[in-house]
PDB file of N, CA and C in Angstrom:
ATOM      1  N   MET A   1      -1.361  42.187   0.728  1.00  0.00           N
ATOM      2  CA  MET A   1      -1.486  40.973   1.476  1.00  0.00           C
ATOM      3  C   MET A   1      -1.063  39.823   0.632  1.00  0.00           C
ATOM      4  N   LYS A   2      -0.221  38.892   1.137  1.00  0.00           N
ATOM      5  CA  LYS A   2       0.198  37.769   0.370  1.00  0.00           C
ATOM      6  C   LYS A   2      -0.894  36.694   0.269  1.00  0.00           C
ATOM      7  N   THR A   3      -0.982  36.134  -0.967  1.00  0.00           N
ATOM      8  CA  THR A   3      -2.055  35.115  -1.200  1.00  0.00           C
ATOM      9  C   THR A   3      -1.463  33.810  -0.697  1.00  0.00           C
ATOM     10  N   ILE A   4      -2.269  33.129   0.051  1.00  0.00           N
ATOM     11  CA  ILE A   4      -1.918  31.792   0.543  1.00  0.00           C
ATOM     12  C   ILE A   4      -2.607  30.734  -0.271  1.00  0.00           C
ATOM     13  N   GLN A   5      -1.824  29.849  -0.879  1.00  0.00           N
ATOM     14  CA  GLN A   5      -2.361  28.810  -1.668  1.00  0.00           C
ATOM     15  C   GLN A   5      -2.920  27.713  -0.849  1.00  0.00           C
ATOM     16  N   ARG A   6      -4.157  27.312  -1.031  1.00  0.00           N
ATOM     17  CA  ARG A   6      -4.788  26.276  -0.277  1.00  0.00           C
ATOM     18  C   ARG A   6      -4.225  24.920  -0.790  1.00  0.00           C
ATOM     19  N   LYS A   7      -3.944  24.024   0.180  1.00  0.00           N
ATOM     20  CA  LYS A   7      -3.378  22.668  -0.129  1.00  0.00           C
ATOM     21  C   LYS A   7      -4.537  21.703  -0.017  1.00  0.00           C
ATOM     22  N   PHE A   8      -4.590  20.769  -0.911  1.00  0.00           N
ATOM     23  CA  PHE A   8      -5.523  19.743  -0.961  1.00  0.00           C
ATOM     24  C   PHE A   8      -4.869  18.317  -0.727  1.00  0.00           C
ATOM     25  N   ILE A   9      -5.476  17.500   0.016  1.00  0.00           N
ATOM     26  CA  ILE A   9      -4.848  16.233   0.269  1.00  0.00           C
ATOM     27  C   ILE A   9      -5.081  15.290  -0.952  1.00  0.00           C
ATOM     28  N   ASP A  10      -4.011  14.611  -1.288  1.00  0.00           N
ATOM     29  CA  ASP A  10      -4.138  13.612  -2.389  1.00  0.00           C
ATOM     30  C   ASP A  10      -4.412  12.331  -1.639  1.00  0.00           C
ATOM     31  N   TRP A  11      -5.752  11.966  -1.662  1.00  0.00           N
ATOM     32  CA  TRP A  11      -6.221  10.781  -0.867  1.00  0.00           C
ATOM     33  C   TRP A  11      -5.661   9.456  -1.357  1.00  0.00           C
ATOM     34  N   LYS A  12      -5.424   9.403  -2.673  1.00  0.00           N
ATOM     35  CA  LYS A  12      -4.832   8.148  -3.234  1.00  0.00           C
ATOM     36  C   LYS A  12      -3.464   7.955  -2.683  1.00  0.00           C
ATOM     37  N   LYS A  13      -2.586   8.938  -2.693  1.00  0.00           N
ATOM     38  CA  LYS A  13      -1.231   8.840  -2.161  1.00  0.00           C
ATOM     39  C   LYS A  13      -1.172   8.751  -0.655  1.00  0.00           C
ATOM     40  N   THR A  14      -2.082   9.412  -0.022  1.00  0.00           N
ATOM     41  CA  THR A  14      -2.210   9.285   1.491  1.00  0.00           C
ATOM     42  C   THR A  14      -2.638   7.888   1.796  1.00  0.00           C
ATOM     43  N   GLY A  15      -3.573   7.382   1.081  1.00  0.00           N
ATOM     44  CA  GLY A  15      -4.026   5.975   1.318  1.00  0.00           C
ATOM     45  C   GLY A  15      -2.861   4.985   1.136  1.00  0.00           C
ATOM     46  N   ARG A  16      -2.084   5.222   0.193  1.00  0.00           N
ATOM     47  CA  ARG A  16      -0.846   4.355  -0.072  1.00  0.00           C
ATOM     48  C   ARG A  16       0.087   4.448   1.158  1.00  0.00           C
ATOM     49  N   SER A  17       0.229   5.647   1.654  1.00  0.00           N
ATOM     50  CA  SER A  17       1.012   5.851   2.868  1.00  0.00           C
ATOM     51  C   SER A  17       0.534   5.101   4.038  1.00  0.00           C
ATOM     52  N   LEU A  18      -0.772   5.114   4.234  1.00  0.00           N
ATOM     53  CA  LEU A  18      -1.452   4.352   5.277  1.00  0.00           C
ATOM     54  C   LEU A  18      -1.208   2.842   5.104  1.00  0.00           C
ATOM     55  N   GLN A  19      -1.345   2.396   3.902  1.00  0.00           N
ATOM     56  CA  GLN A  19      -1.117   0.967   3.563  1.00  0.00           C
ATOM     57  C   GLN A  19       0.292   0.513   3.909  1.00  0.00           C
ATOM     58  N   LEU A  20       1.263   1.344   3.529  1.00  0.00           N
ATOM     59  CA  LEU A  20       2.677   1.003   3.822  1.00  0.00           C
ATOM     60  C   LEU A  20       2.922   1.002   5.368  1.00  0.00           C
ATOM     61  N   LEU A  21       2.265   1.861   6.071  1.00  0.00           N
ATOM     62  CA  LEU A  21       2.394   1.793   7.504  1.00  0.00           C
ATOM     63  C   LEU A  21       1.826   0.502   8.069  1.00  0.00           C
ATOM     64  N   ARG A  22       0.703   0.121   7.538  1.00  0.00           N
ATOM     65  CA  ARG A  22       0.017  -1.131   7.992  1.00  0.00           C
ATOM     66  C   ARG A  22       0.886  -2.343   7.682  1.00  0.00           C
ATOM     67  N   GLU A  23       1.611  -2.237   6.587  1.00  0.00           N
ATOM     68  CA  GLU A  23       2.411  -3.440   6.216  1.00  0.00           C
ATOM     69  C   GLU A  23       3.824  -3.408   6.858  1.00  0.00           C
ATOM     70  N   ASP A  24       4.281  -2.306   7.425  1.00  0.00           N
ATOM     71  CA  ASP A  24       5.659  -2.345   7.965  1.00  0.00           C
ATOM     72  C   ASP A  24       5.854  -1.254   8.986  1.00  0.00           C
ATOM     73  N   ASN A  25       5.212  -1.310  10.139  1.00  0.00           N
ATOM     74  CA  ASN A  25       5.512  -0.381  11.171  1.00  0.00           C
ATOM     75  C   ASN A  25       5.334  -1.109  12.503  1.00  0.00           C
ATOM     76  N   ILE A  26       6.444  -1.301  13.216  1.00  0.00           N
ATOM     77  CA  ILE A  26       6.437  -2.133  14.420  1.00  0.00           C
ATOM     78  C   ILE A  26       5.648  -1.394  15.496  1.00  0.00           C
ATOM     79  N   GLU A  27       5.656  -0.073  15.541  1.00  0.00           N
ATOM     80  CA  GLU A  27       4.909   0.601  16.558  1.00  0.00           C
ATOM     81  C   GLU A  27       3.405   0.417  16.335  1.00  0.00           C
ATOM     82  N   LEU A  28       2.927   0.373  15.186  1.00  0.00           N
ATOM     83  CA  LEU A  28       1.538   0.127  14.836  1.00  0.00           C
ATOM     84  C   LEU A  28       1.193  -1.341  15.234  1.00  0.00           C
ATOM     85  N   ARG A  29       2.167  -2.231  14.948  1.00  0.00           N
ATOM     86  CA  ARG A  29       1.977  -3.676  15.329  1.00  0.00           C
ATOM     87  C   ARG A  29       1.759  -3.813  16.848  1.00  0.00           C
ATOM     88  N   ARG A  30       2.667  -3.072  17.566  1.00  0.00           N
ATOM     89  CA  ARG A  30       2.608  -3.169  19.017  1.00  0.00           C
ATOM     90  C   ARG A  30       1.335  -2.704  19.565  1.00  0.00           C
ATOM     91  N   CYS A  31       0.822  -1.545  18.996  1.00  0.00           N
ATOM     92  CA  CYS A  31      -0.446  -1.039  19.410  1.00  0.00           C
ATOM     93  C   CYS A  31      -1.622  -1.970  19.103  1.00  0.00           C
ATOM     94  N   VAL A  32      -1.619  -2.525  17.939  1.00  0.00           N
ATOM     95  CA  VAL A  32      -2.683  -3.476  17.545  1.00  0.00           C
ATOM     96  C   VAL A  32      -2.608  -4.730  18.444  1.00  0.00           C
ATOM     97  N   CYS A  33      -1.416  -5.233  18.661  1.00  0.00           N
ATOM     98  CA  CYS A  33      -1.257  -6.418  19.486  1.00  0.00           C
ATOM     99  C   CYS A  33      -1.771  -6.144  20.894  1.00  0.00           C
ATOM    100  N   GLY A  34      -1.431  -5.028  21.461  1.00  0.00           N
ATOM    101  CA  GLY A  34      -1.917  -4.745  22.819  1.00  0.00           C
ATOM    102  C   GLY A  34      -3.418  -4.452  22.806  1.00  0.00           C
ATOM    103  N   ALA A  35      -3.948  -3.774  21.826  1.00  0.00           N
ATOM    104  CA  ALA A  35      -5.342  -3.410  21.850  1.00  0.00           C
ATOM    105  C   ALA A  35      -6.233  -4.728  21.611  1.00  0.00           C
ATOM    106  N   LEU A  36      -5.787  -5.622  20.815  1.00  0.00           N
ATOM    107  CA  LEU A  36      -6.538  -6.856  20.581  1.00  0.00           C
ATOM    108  C   LEU A  36      -6.071  -7.968  21.593  1.00  0.00           C
ATOM    109  N   LYS A  37      -5.234  -7.639  22.488  1.00  0.00           N
ATOM    110  CA  LYS A  37      -4.848  -8.586  23.544  1.00  0.00           C
ATOM    111  C   LYS A  37      -4.337  -9.900  23.007  1.00  0.00           C
ATOM    112  N   HIS A  38      -3.532  -9.802  21.943  1.00  0.00           N
ATOM    113  CA  HIS A  38      -2.914 -11.052  21.347  1.00  0.00           C
ATOM    114  C   HIS A  38      -1.953 -11.677  22.369  1.00  0.00           C
ATOM    115  N   ASP A  39      -1.537 -10.933  23.353  1.00  0.00           N
ATOM    116  CA  ASP A  39      -0.648 -11.436  24.307  1.00  0.00           C
ATOM    117  C   ASP A  39      -1.205 -12.271  25.436  1.00  0.00           C
ATOM    118  N   LYS A  40      -2.573 -12.451  25.388  1.00  0.00           N
ATOM    119  CA  LYS A  40      -3.344 -13.273  26.377  1.00  0.00           C
ATOM    120  C   LYS A  40      -3.102 -12.811  27.783  1.00  0.00           C
ATOM    121  N   GLY A  41      -2.780 -11.554  27.939  1.00  0.00           N
ATOM    122  CA  GLY A  41      -2.688 -10.971  29.305  1.00  0.00           C
ATOM    123  C   GLY A  41      -1.322 -11.092  30.030  1.00  0.00           C
ATOM    124  N   ASP A  42      -0.353 -11.751  29.371  1.00  0.00           N
ATOM    125  CA  ASP A  42       0.904 -11.890  30.065  1.00  0.00           C
ATOM    126  C   ASP A  42       2.043 -11.142  29.399  1.00  0.00           C
ATOM    127  N   CYS A  43       1.631  -9.958  28.833  1.00  0.00           N
ATOM    128  CA  CYS A  43       2.609  -9.121  28.126  1.00  0.00           C
ATOM    129  C   CYS A  43       3.333  -8.298  29.202  1.00  0.00           C
ATOM    130  N   GLY A  44       4.673  -8.329  29.026  1.00  0.00           N
ATOM    131  CA  GLY A  44       5.549  -7.548  29.924  1.00  0.00           C
ATOM    132  C   GLY A  44       5.856  -6.170  29.213  1.00  0.00           C
ATOM    133  N   GLY A  45       5.311  -5.928  28.116  1.00  0.00           N
ATOM    134  CA  GLY A  45       5.575  -4.650  27.418  1.00  0.00           C
ATOM    135  C   GLY A  45       6.867  -4.555  26.677  1.00  0.00           C
ATOM    136  N   VAL A  46       7.648  -5.579  26.670  1.00  0.00           N
ATOM    137  CA  VAL A  46       8.881  -5.634  25.940  1.00  0.00           C
ATOM    138  C   VAL A  46       8.721  -6.550  24.740  1.00  0.00           C
ATOM    139  N   CYS A  47       8.449  -5.867  23.592  1.00  0.00           N
ATOM    140  CA  CYS A  47       8.154  -6.677  22.379  1.00  0.00           C
ATOM    141  C   CYS A  47       9.275  -7.510  21.964  1.00  0.00           C
ATOM    142  N   ALA A  48      10.532  -7.178  22.267  1.00  0.00           N
ATOM    143  CA  ALA A  48      11.668  -8.001  21.883  1.00  0.00           C
ATOM    144  C   ALA A  48      11.659  -9.323  22.581  1.00  0.00           C
ATOM    145  N   ASP A  49      11.003  -9.394  23.832  1.00  0.00           N
ATOM    146  CA  ASP A  49      10.874 -10.596  24.551  1.00  0.00           C
ATOM    147  C   ASP A  49       9.644 -11.313  24.339  1.00  0.00           C
ATOM    148  N   CYS A  50       8.796 -10.838  23.387  1.00  0.00           N
ATOM    149  CA  CYS A  50       7.515 -11.460  23.164  1.00  0.00           C
ATOM    150  C   CYS A  50       7.639 -12.970  22.734  1.00  0.00           C
ATOM    151  N   ARG A  51       6.825 -13.826  23.254  1.00  0.00           N
ATOM    152  CA  ARG A  51       6.963 -15.231  22.940  1.00  0.00           C
ATOM    153  C   ARG A  51       6.025 -15.523  21.705  1.00  0.00           C
ATOM    154  N   TYR A  52       5.379 -14.585  21.202  1.00  0.00           N
ATOM    155  CA  TYR A  52       4.576 -14.807  20.003  1.00  0.00           C
ATOM    156  C   TYR A  52       5.325 -14.292  18.812  1.00  0.00           C
ATOM    157  N   GLU A  53       5.315 -15.055  17.754  1.00  0.00           N
ATOM    158  CA  GLU A  53       5.915 -14.688  16.544  1.00  0.00           C
ATOM    159  C   GLU A  53       5.216 -13.463  15.953  1.00  0.00           C
ATOM    160  N   MET A  54       5.953 -12.412  15.730  1.00  0.00           N
ATOM    161  CA  MET A  54       5.260 -11.170  15.332  1.00  0.00           C
ATOM    162  C   MET A  54       6.107 -10.502  14.248  1.00  0.00           C
ATOM    163  N   ASP A  55       5.441 -10.174  13.177  1.00  0.00           N
ATOM    164  CA  ASP A  55       6.068  -9.399  12.150  1.00  0.00           C
ATOM    165  C   ASP A  55       5.434  -8.024  12.137  1.00  0.00           C
ATOM    166  N   ASN A  56       5.942  -7.185  11.250  1.00  0.00           N
ATOM    167  CA  ASN A  56       5.339  -5.818  11.200  1.00  0.00           C
ATOM    168  C   ASN A  56       4.030  -5.687  10.493  1.00  0.00           C
ATOM    169  N   HIS A  57       3.654  -6.759   9.763  1.00  0.00           N
ATOM    170  CA  HIS A  57       2.481  -6.732   8.973  1.00  0.00           C
ATOM    171  C   HIS A  57       1.206  -6.827   9.820  1.00  0.00           C
ATOM    172  N   ILE A  58       0.193  -5.958   9.527  1.00  0.00           N
ATOM    173  CA  ILE A  58      -1.071  -6.011  10.189  1.00  0.00           C
ATOM    174  C   ILE A  58      -2.170  -6.225   9.159  1.00  0.00           C
ATOM    175  N   SER A  59      -3.048  -7.102   9.436  1.00  0.00           N
ATOM    176  CA  SER A  59      -4.171  -7.275   8.473  1.00  0.00           C
ATOM    177  C   SER A  59      -5.191  -6.160   8.545  1.00  0.00           C
ATOM    178  N   ARG A  60      -5.912  -5.986   7.482  1.00  0.00           N
ATOM    179  CA  ARG A  60      -6.994  -4.947   7.528  1.00  0.00           C
ATOM    180  C   ARG A  60      -8.030  -5.272   8.582  1.00  0.00           C
ATOM    181  N   LYS A  61      -8.199  -6.563   8.838  1.00  0.00           N
ATOM    182  CA  LYS A  61      -9.169  -7.019   9.826  1.00  0.00           C
ATOM    183  C   LYS A  61      -8.749  -6.551  11.229  1.00  0.00           C
ATOM    184  N   GLU A  62      -7.468  -6.789  11.552  1.00  0.00           N
ATOM    185  CA  GLU A  62      -6.872  -6.354  12.839  1.00  0.00           C
ATOM    186  C   GLU A  62      -7.029  -4.820  12.954  1.00  0.00           C
ATOM    187  N   LEU A  63      -6.634  -4.156  11.970  1.00  0.00           N
ATOM    188  CA  LEU A  63      -6.639  -2.671  12.054  1.00  0.00           C
ATOM    189  C   LEU A  63      -8.083  -2.155  12.186  1.00  0.00           C
ATOM    190  N   SER A  64      -9.000  -2.803  11.460  1.00  0.00           N
ATOM    191  CA  SER A  64     -10.379  -2.394  11.522  1.00  0.00           C
ATOM    192  C   SER A  64     -10.967  -2.534  12.933  1.00  0.00           C
ATOM    193  N   GLU A  65     -10.527  -3.548  13.670  1.00  0.00           N
ATOM    194  CA  GLU A  65     -10.937  -3.720  15.031  1.00  0.00           C
ATOM    195  C   GLU A  65     -10.422  -2.705  15.958  1.00  0.00           C
ATOM    196  N   VAL A  66      -9.233  -2.241  15.769  1.00  0.00           N
ATOM    197  CA  VAL A  66      -8.640  -1.151  16.592  1.00  0.00           C
ATOM    198  C   VAL A  66      -9.372   0.174  16.325  1.00  0.00           C
ATOM    199  N   PHE A  67      -9.701   0.476  15.036  1.00  0.00           N
ATOM    200  CA  PHE A  67     -10.340   1.746  14.640  1.00  0.00           C
ATOM    201  C   PHE A  67     -11.854   1.660  14.837  1.00  0.00           C
ATOM    202  N   GLY A  68     -12.406   0.508  15.003  1.00  0.00           N
ATOM    203  CA  GLY A  68     -13.883   0.344  15.186  1.00  0.00           C
ATOM    204  C   GLY A  68     -14.613   0.617  13.842  1.00  0.00           C
ATOM    205  N   VAL A  69     -14.012   0.221  12.761  1.00  0.00           N
ATOM    206  CA  VAL A  69     -14.701   0.350  11.446  1.00  0.00           C
ATOM    207  C   VAL A  69     -14.584  -1.045  10.774  1.00  0.00           C
ATOM    208  N   SER A  70     -15.220  -1.134   9.639  1.00  0.00           N
ATOM    209  CA  SER A  70     -15.165  -2.401   8.899  1.00  0.00           C
ATOM    210  C   SER A  70     -13.920  -2.508   8.081  1.00  0.00           C
ATOM    211  N   GLU A  71     -13.555  -3.728   7.671  1.00  0.00           N
ATOM    212  CA  GLU A  71     -12.424  -3.924   6.801  1.00  0.00           C
ATOM    213  C   GLU A  71     -12.526  -3.115   5.507  1.00  0.00           C
ATOM    214  N   SER A  72     -13.771  -3.062   4.978  1.00  0.00           N
ATOM    215  CA  SER A  72     -13.924  -2.318   3.752  1.00  0.00           C
ATOM    216  C   SER A  72     -13.607  -0.800   3.874  1.00  0.00           C
ATOM    217  N   VAL A  73     -13.830  -0.308   5.127  1.00  0.00           N
ATOM    218  CA  VAL A  73     -13.413   1.125   5.298  1.00  0.00           C
ATOM    219  C   VAL A  73     -11.895   1.262   5.268  1.00  0.00           C
ATOM    220  N   ILE A  74     -11.230   0.359   5.908  1.00  0.00           N
ATOM    221  CA  ILE A  74      -9.729   0.358   5.792  1.00  0.00           C
ATOM    222  C   ILE A  74      -9.291   0.240   4.308  1.00  0.00           C
ATOM    223  N   PHE A  75      -9.856  -0.697   3.607  1.00  0.00           N
ATOM    224  CA  PHE A  75      -9.520  -0.876   2.180  1.00  0.00           C
ATOM    225  C   PHE A  75      -9.761   0.419   1.387  1.00  0.00           C
ATOM    226  N   ASN A  76     -10.964   1.035   1.680  1.00  0.00           N
ATOM    227  CA  ASN A  76     -11.260   2.324   0.934  1.00  0.00           C
ATOM    228  C   ASN A  76     -10.321   3.434   1.323  1.00  0.00           C
ATOM    229  N   TRP A  77      -9.907   3.504   2.543  1.00  0.00           N
ATOM    230  CA  TRP A  77      -8.950   4.488   2.929  1.00  0.00           C
ATOM    231  C   TRP A  77      -7.637   4.291   2.232  1.00  0.00           C
ATOM    232  N   GLU A  78      -7.210   3.025   2.174  1.00  0.00           N
ATOM    233  CA  GLU A  78      -5.838   2.703   1.622  1.00  0.00           C
ATOM    234  C   GLU A  78      -5.864   2.866   0.091  1.00  0.00           C
ATOM    235  N   ASN A  79      -6.996   2.759  -0.532  1.00  0.00           N
ATOM    236  CA  ASN A  79      -7.060   2.950  -1.928  1.00  0.00           C
ATOM    237  C   ASN A  79      -7.550   4.281  -2.444  1.00  0.00           C
ATOM    238  N   GLY A  80      -7.714   5.203  -1.485  1.00  0.00           N
ATOM    239  CA  GLY A  80      -8.046   6.556  -1.837  1.00  0.00           C
ATOM    240  C   GLY A  80      -9.503   6.688  -2.285  1.00  0.00           C
ATOM    241  N   ARG A  81     -10.296   5.765  -1.913  1.00  0.00           N
ATOM    242  CA  ARG A  81     -11.695   5.785  -2.376  1.00  0.00           C
ATOM    243  C   ARG A  81     -12.571   6.583  -1.412  1.00  0.00           C
ATOM    244  N   SER A  82     -12.145   6.713  -0.140  1.00  0.00           N
ATOM    245  CA  SER A  82     -12.830   7.550   0.790  1.00  0.00           C
ATOM    246  C   SER A  82     -11.761   8.272   1.606  1.00  0.00           C
ATOM    247  N   GLU A  83     -12.180   9.462   2.105  1.00  0.00           N
ATOM    248  CA  GLU A  83     -11.257  10.190   2.931  1.00  0.00           C
ATOM    249  C   GLU A  83     -11.271   9.733   4.353  1.00  0.00           C
ATOM    250  N   VAL A  84     -10.152   9.916   5.014  1.00  0.00           N
ATOM    251  CA  VAL A  84     -10.049   9.511   6.449  1.00  0.00           C
ATOM    252  C   VAL A  84     -10.369  10.782   7.224  1.00  0.00           C
ATOM    253  N   ASP A  85     -11.247  10.629   8.161  1.00  0.00           N
ATOM    254  CA  ASP A  85     -11.562  11.842   8.974  1.00  0.00           C
ATOM    255  C   ASP A  85     -10.381  12.250   9.805  1.00  0.00           C
ATOM    256  N   TYR A  86     -10.354  13.449  10.255  1.00  0.00           N
ATOM    257  CA  TYR A  86      -9.198  14.040  10.973  1.00  0.00           C
ATOM    258  C   TYR A  86      -8.785  13.290  12.236  1.00  0.00           C
ATOM    259  N   GLU A  87      -9.795  12.862  12.954  1.00  0.00           N
ATOM    260  CA  GLU A  87      -9.507  12.174  14.257  1.00  0.00           C
ATOM    261  C   GLU A  87      -8.866  10.876  13.957  1.00  0.00           C
ATOM    262  N   ASN A  88      -9.311  10.127  12.911  1.00  0.00           N
ATOM    263  CA  ASN A  88      -8.647   8.855  12.646  1.00  0.00           C
ATOM    264  C   ASN A  88      -7.285   9.098  11.994  1.00  0.00           C
ATOM    265  N   LEU A  89      -7.045  10.101  11.246  1.00  0.00           N
ATOM    266  CA  LEU A  89      -5.689  10.415  10.789  1.00  0.00           C
ATOM    267  C   LEU A  89      -4.705  10.685  11.992  1.00  0.00           C
ATOM    268  N   LEU A  90      -5.235  11.476  12.943  1.00  0.00           N
ATOM    269  CA  LEU A  90      -4.393  11.765  14.135  1.00  0.00           C
ATOM    270  C   LEU A  90      -4.162  10.477  14.948  1.00  0.00           C
ATOM    271  N   PHE A  91      -5.142   9.624  15.125  1.00  0.00           N
ATOM    272  CA  PHE A  91      -4.961   8.384  15.809  1.00  0.00           C
ATOM    273  C   PHE A  91      -3.960   7.501  15.102  1.00  0.00           C
ATOM    274  N   TYR A  92      -4.084   7.383  13.790  1.00  0.00           N
ATOM    275  CA  TYR A  92      -3.133   6.635  13.013  1.00  0.00           C
ATOM    276  C   TYR A  92      -1.704   7.113  13.232  1.00  0.00           C
ATOM    277  N   ALA A  93      -1.543   8.429  13.195  1.00  0.00           N
ATOM    278  CA  ALA A  93      -0.227   8.989  13.416  1.00  0.00           C
ATOM    279  C   ALA A  93       0.299   8.729  14.836  1.00  0.00           C
ATOM    280  N   GLN A  94      -0.549   8.816  15.786  1.00  0.00           N
ATOM    281  CA  GLN A  94      -0.192   8.647  17.201  1.00  0.00           C
ATOM    282  C   GLN A  94       0.230   7.193  17.498  1.00  0.00           C
ATOM    283  N   ILE A  95      -0.594   6.228  16.948  1.00  0.00           N
ATOM    284  CA  ILE A  95      -0.233   4.756  17.306  1.00  0.00           C
ATOM    285  C   ILE A  95       0.876   4.279  16.402  1.00  0.00           C
ATOM    286  N   SER A  96       1.186   4.952  15.322  1.00  0.00           N
ATOM    287  CA  SER A  96       2.356   4.513  14.509  1.00  0.00           C
ATOM    288  C   SER A  96       3.628   5.321  14.833  1.00  0.00           C
ATOM    289  N   LYS A  97       3.478   6.292  15.780  1.00  0.00           N
ATOM    290  CA  LYS A  97       4.524   7.131  16.221  1.00  0.00           C
ATOM    291  C   LYS A  97       5.161   7.876  15.031  1.00  0.00           C
ATOM    292  N   LYS A  98       4.337   8.462  14.209  1.00  0.00           N
ATOM    293  CA  LYS A  98       4.657   9.249  13.040  1.00  0.00           C
ATOM    294  C   LYS A  98       4.041  10.588  13.236  1.00  0.00           C
ATOM    295  N   GLU A  99       4.651  11.615  12.514  1.00  0.00           N
ATOM    296  CA  GLU A  99       4.036  12.912  12.510  1.00  0.00           C
ATOM    297  C   GLU A  99       2.987  12.873  11.394  1.00  0.00           C
ATOM    298  N   LEU A 100       1.886  13.609  11.536  1.00  0.00           N
ATOM    299  CA  LEU A 100       0.854  13.687  10.562  1.00  0.00           C
ATOM    300  C   LEU A 100       1.409  14.035   9.222  1.00  0.00           C
ATOM    301  N   SER A 101       2.444  14.869   9.201  1.00  0.00           N
ATOM    302  CA  SER A 101       3.008  15.369   7.925  1.00  0.00           C
ATOM    303  C   SER A 101       3.775  14.237   7.202  1.00  0.00           C
ATOM    304  N   GLU A 102       4.085  13.149   7.892  1.00  0.00           N
ATOM    305  CA  GLU A 102       4.711  11.959   7.307  1.00  0.00           C
ATOM    306  C   GLU A 102       3.747  11.015   6.675  1.00  0.00           C
ATOM    307  N   ILE A 103       2.473  11.244   7.020  1.00  0.00           N
ATOM    308  CA  ILE A 103       1.381  10.334   6.543  1.00  0.00           C
ATOM    309  C   ILE A 103       0.625  10.975   5.364  1.00  0.00           C
ATOM    310  N   VAL A 104       0.268  12.202   5.593  1.00  0.00           N
ATOM    311  CA  VAL A 104      -0.623  12.969   4.637  1.00  0.00           C
ATOM    312  C   VAL A 104       0.271  13.469   3.425  1.00  0.00           C
ATOM    313  N   VAL A 105      -0.250  13.180   2.242  1.00  0.00           N
ATOM    314  CA  VAL A 105       0.464  13.664   1.053  1.00  0.00           C
ATOM    315  C   VAL A 105      -0.492  14.668   0.348  1.00  0.00           C
ATOM    316  N   PHE A 106       0.086  15.828  -0.012  1.00  0.00           N
ATOM    317  CA  PHE A 106      -0.656  16.870  -0.625  1.00  0.00           C
ATOM    318  C   PHE A 106      -0.510  16.826  -2.110  1.00  0.00           C
ATOM    319  N   MET A 107      -1.502  17.326  -2.815  1.00  0.00           N
ATOM    320  CA  MET A 107      -1.397  17.470  -4.304  1.00  0.00           C
ATOM    321  C   MET A 107      -0.411  18.539  -4.623  1.00  0.00           C
ATOM    322  N   ASP A 108       0.292  18.294  -5.765  1.00  0.00           N
ATOM    323  CA  ASP A 108       1.224  19.226  -6.279  1.00  0.00           C
ATOM    324  C   ASP A 108       0.563  20.505  -6.806  1.00  0.00           C
TER     325      ASP A 108
END
């Protein structure tokens, strides 16, 4: 029988991956914008036509509101100080339109 090597998540590198997504992912920005209703109810769903100035950067505060956690939890995730549970990793991948394998980094 072939031995399968168990892989372990490198939470520090995975956290950096999450931080980079928060700082530059338009899909994540759109999700946060919609979830927090920054559009004041008159969103047509076409972000290119949005009358609000929007960049790809999302604050930890905004993201914490979407995930229902504190800003310090987001900070700890991004700095590898705490592990992100599976459901939140999946949610992060879903709203940023990334594959989980593009977010999670495994130890060598």
